[in-house]
N, C-alpha and C. Protein backbone atom coordinates (compact mmCIF):
# COMPACT_ATOMS: atom_id res chain seq x y z
N MET A 1 103.54 96.81 112.78
CA MET A 1 102.58 97.68 111.04
C MET A 1 100.90 97.73 111.40
N ILE A 2 100.17 96.96 112.32
CA ILE A 2 98.90 97.65 112.80
C ILE A 2 99.03 98.90 113.00
N ALA A 3 99.94 99.95 113.86
CA ALA A 3 99.88 100.86 114.27
C ALA A 3 99.99 101.63 113.23
N GLY A 4 101.36 101.16 112.06
CA GLY A 4 100.78 101.72 110.92
C GLY A 4 99.97 101.33 110.04
N ASP A 5 98.85 101.00 109.85
CA ASP A 5 97.02 101.11 109.57
C ASP A 5 97.94 100.02 107.95
N ARG A 6 98.69 99.84 108.05
CA ARG A 6 99.02 98.44 107.54
C ARG A 6 99.38 97.37 107.44
N VAL A 7 99.05 96.10 107.01
CA VAL A 7 99.67 94.20 107.43
C VAL A 7 100.11 93.99 106.48
N TRP A 8 101.21 93.61 106.03
CA TRP A 8 101.48 92.23 104.78
C TRP A 8 101.56 91.73 104.98
N LEU A 9 101.57 89.80 104.79
CA LEU A 9 101.76 88.91 105.01
C LEU A 9 102.88 88.56 104.28
N ASN A 10 103.34 89.04 102.70
CA ASN A 10 104.63 87.92 102.20
C ASN A 10 105.39 89.48 102.75
N ALA A 11 107.14 87.90 103.13
CA ALA A 11 107.77 88.59 103.44
C ALA A 11 108.82 90.36 102.34
N THR A 12 108.37 89.66 101.26
CA THR A 12 108.99 91.61 100.04
C THR A 12 108.14 92.35 101.00
N PRO A 13 106.74 92.41 100.51
CA PRO A 13 106.38 93.72 101.08
C PRO A 13 106.79 94.10 102.21
N MET A 14 106.77 93.05 103.42
CA MET A 14 106.65 94.00 104.72
C MET A 14 108.13 94.35 104.23
N ALA A 15 109.57 93.68 103.73
CA ALA A 15 110.94 94.51 104.00
C ALA A 15 110.62 96.24 102.81
N THR A 16 109.91 96.18 102.04
CA THR A 16 110.16 97.32 100.36
C THR A 16 109.43 98.19 101.77
N PHE A 17 107.53 97.72 101.91
CA PHE A 17 106.81 99.19 102.82
C PHE A 17 107.29 100.00 104.09
N ARG A 18 107.95 98.76 105.07
CA ARG A 18 108.55 98.99 106.01
C ARG A 18 109.70 99.01 106.01
N SER A 19 110.24 99.40 105.62
CA SER A 19 112.10 99.03 106.46
C SER A 19 112.35 99.79 107.33
N ASP A 20 112.25 100.25 108.29
CA ASP A 20 111.96 100.85 109.29
C ASP A 20 111.99 100.00 110.16
N LEU A 21 111.17 98.43 110.19
CA LEU A 21 111.63 97.69 110.87
C LEU A 21 111.75 95.94 111.08
N PHE A 22 112.06 96.54 109.03
CA PHE A 22 112.53 95.11 108.83
C PHE A 22 112.90 95.65 107.27
N LYS A 23 115.01 94.97 107.93
CA LYS A 23 116.49 95.37 107.15
C LYS A 23 115.48 94.84 105.95
N THR A 24 115.56 93.38 105.94
CA THR A 24 115.33 92.93 104.53
C THR A 24 114.41 91.47 104.53
N PRO A 25 114.02 90.89 103.44
CA PRO A 25 113.02 89.88 103.69
C PRO A 25 113.04 88.97 104.70
N LYS A 26 114.67 88.87 105.04
CA LYS A 26 114.36 87.60 105.71
C LYS A 26 114.23 88.11 107.06
N ALA A 27 114.60 88.95 107.44
CA ALA A 27 113.71 89.61 108.89
C ALA A 27 112.61 89.96 109.34
N ALA A 28 111.66 89.94 108.29
CA ALA A 28 110.65 89.81 107.59
C ALA A 28 109.58 88.46 108.15
N VAL A 29 110.05 87.57 107.96
CA VAL A 29 110.01 86.55 108.26
C VAL A 29 110.23 85.80 109.26
N ALA A 30 111.68 85.97 110.33
CA ALA A 30 111.98 86.22 111.22
C ALA A 30 110.26 86.73 112.23
N ALA A 31 110.51 87.78 111.69
CA ALA A 31 109.37 88.41 112.83
C ALA A 31 107.97 87.91 112.33
N ARG A 32 107.40 87.33 111.14
CA ARG A 32 106.50 86.97 111.03
C ARG A 32 105.85 85.71 111.46
N ASN A 33 107.36 85.24 111.37
CA ASN A 33 107.60 83.72 112.57
C ASN A 33 106.90 84.06 114.22
N ARG A 34 107.73 84.77 114.63
CA ARG A 34 108.22 85.01 116.08
C ARG A 34 106.18 85.54 116.24
N PHE A 35 105.62 86.14 115.19
CA PHE A 35 104.39 86.44 115.81
C PHE A 35 103.52 85.08 116.22
N ALA A 36 103.13 84.41 114.62
CA ALA A 36 102.50 83.98 114.03
C ALA A 36 102.78 82.67 113.36
N PRO A 37 102.67 81.06 113.71
CA PRO A 37 103.37 80.92 112.75
C PRO A 37 103.19 80.04 111.32
N SER A 38 101.70 80.70 110.71
CA SER A 38 100.77 80.51 109.72
C SER A 38 100.52 81.54 109.32
N VAL A 39 100.33 82.03 108.41
CA VAL A 39 99.27 83.56 107.18
C VAL A 39 98.30 83.41 107.86
N ASP A 40 97.14 82.17 107.38
CA ASP A 40 96.06 81.93 108.32
C ASP A 40 95.63 82.53 109.89
N ASP A 41 96.91 82.49 111.03
CA ASP A 41 97.82 82.83 111.98
C ASP A 41 98.06 84.53 112.24
N VAL A 42 98.84 84.99 111.49
CA VAL A 42 98.30 86.01 111.40
C VAL A 42 97.34 87.02 110.86
N ARG A 43 95.99 86.12 109.76
CA ARG A 43 95.36 86.99 109.94
C ARG A 43 93.92 87.04 110.63
N THR A 44 94.17 85.75 111.74
CA THR A 44 93.40 85.23 112.81
C THR A 44 93.77 86.40 114.14
N ALA A 45 95.30 86.81 114.38
CA ALA A 45 95.86 87.69 115.33
C ALA A 45 95.18 89.29 114.92
N VAL A 46 95.86 89.81 113.80
CA VAL A 46 95.33 90.60 113.32
C VAL A 46 94.21 91.35 113.26
N ARG A 47 93.55 90.17 112.80
CA ARG A 47 91.30 90.58 113.75
C ARG A 47 91.32 90.57 115.11
N ALA A 48 91.81 89.86 115.61
CA ALA A 48 91.33 89.93 117.09
C ALA A 48 92.08 91.35 117.50
N ILE A 49 93.17 91.75 117.20
CA ILE A 49 94.20 92.80 117.66
C ILE A 49 92.83 94.35 117.00
N VAL A 50 92.73 94.02 116.51
CA VAL A 50 91.84 95.39 115.49
C VAL A 50 89.81 95.59 115.76
N ARG A 51 89.59 94.18 116.25
CA ARG A 51 88.58 93.76 116.27
C ARG A 51 87.55 94.75 116.64
N HIS A 52 87.97 95.56 118.09
CA HIS A 52 87.35 97.05 118.85
C HIS A 52 87.75 98.25 118.12
N ASP A 53 88.35 98.24 117.33
CA ASP A 53 89.17 99.51 116.24
C ASP A 53 87.38 99.81 115.73
N ARG A 54 87.27 101.06 115.77
CA ARG A 54 86.18 101.64 114.78
C ARG A 54 86.20 102.05 113.39
N ARG A 55 87.90 102.44 113.11
CA ARG A 55 88.32 101.82 111.35
C ARG A 55 88.03 100.88 110.72
N PRO A 56 87.52 101.41 109.75
CA PRO A 56 87.53 99.81 108.89
C PRO A 56 88.99 98.99 108.45
N TRP A 57 88.78 97.30 108.68
CA TRP A 57 90.11 97.05 108.41
C TRP A 57 89.92 95.99 107.19
N PRO A 58 89.80 96.32 105.50
CA PRO A 58 89.72 95.91 104.98
C PRO A 58 90.59 94.84 104.38
N GLU A 59 90.28 93.36 103.88
CA GLU A 59 91.41 92.70 103.69
C GLU A 59 91.52 92.71 101.51
N THR A 60 92.63 92.91 101.57
CA THR A 60 93.02 93.14 99.92
C THR A 60 93.89 91.92 99.71
N LEU A 61 93.57 91.37 98.70
CA LEU A 61 94.55 90.31 98.20
C LEU A 61 95.34 90.61 96.51
N PHE A 62 96.29 90.71 96.74
CA PHE A 62 97.32 91.47 95.86
C PHE A 62 98.19 90.66 95.58
N GLN A 63 98.45 91.13 93.89
CA GLN A 63 99.83 90.05 93.09
C GLN A 63 100.40 90.76 91.90
N PRO A 64 101.78 91.37 92.51
CA PRO A 64 102.53 92.08 92.10
C PRO A 64 102.76 91.59 90.85
């Protein structure tokens, strides 16, 4: 998702917006859990990965 310039934390948007990576929300949950065990861990990991990127990486919270 980072390579695609967007990172979602919830399984449904992950599967909806990146169906090429996650066929179902359950697959998105499994992938997210392999990457980091909690949402805060995902945020920390993404920040560490993009910290030297020159582009801004704003965090947006939304509720559909």
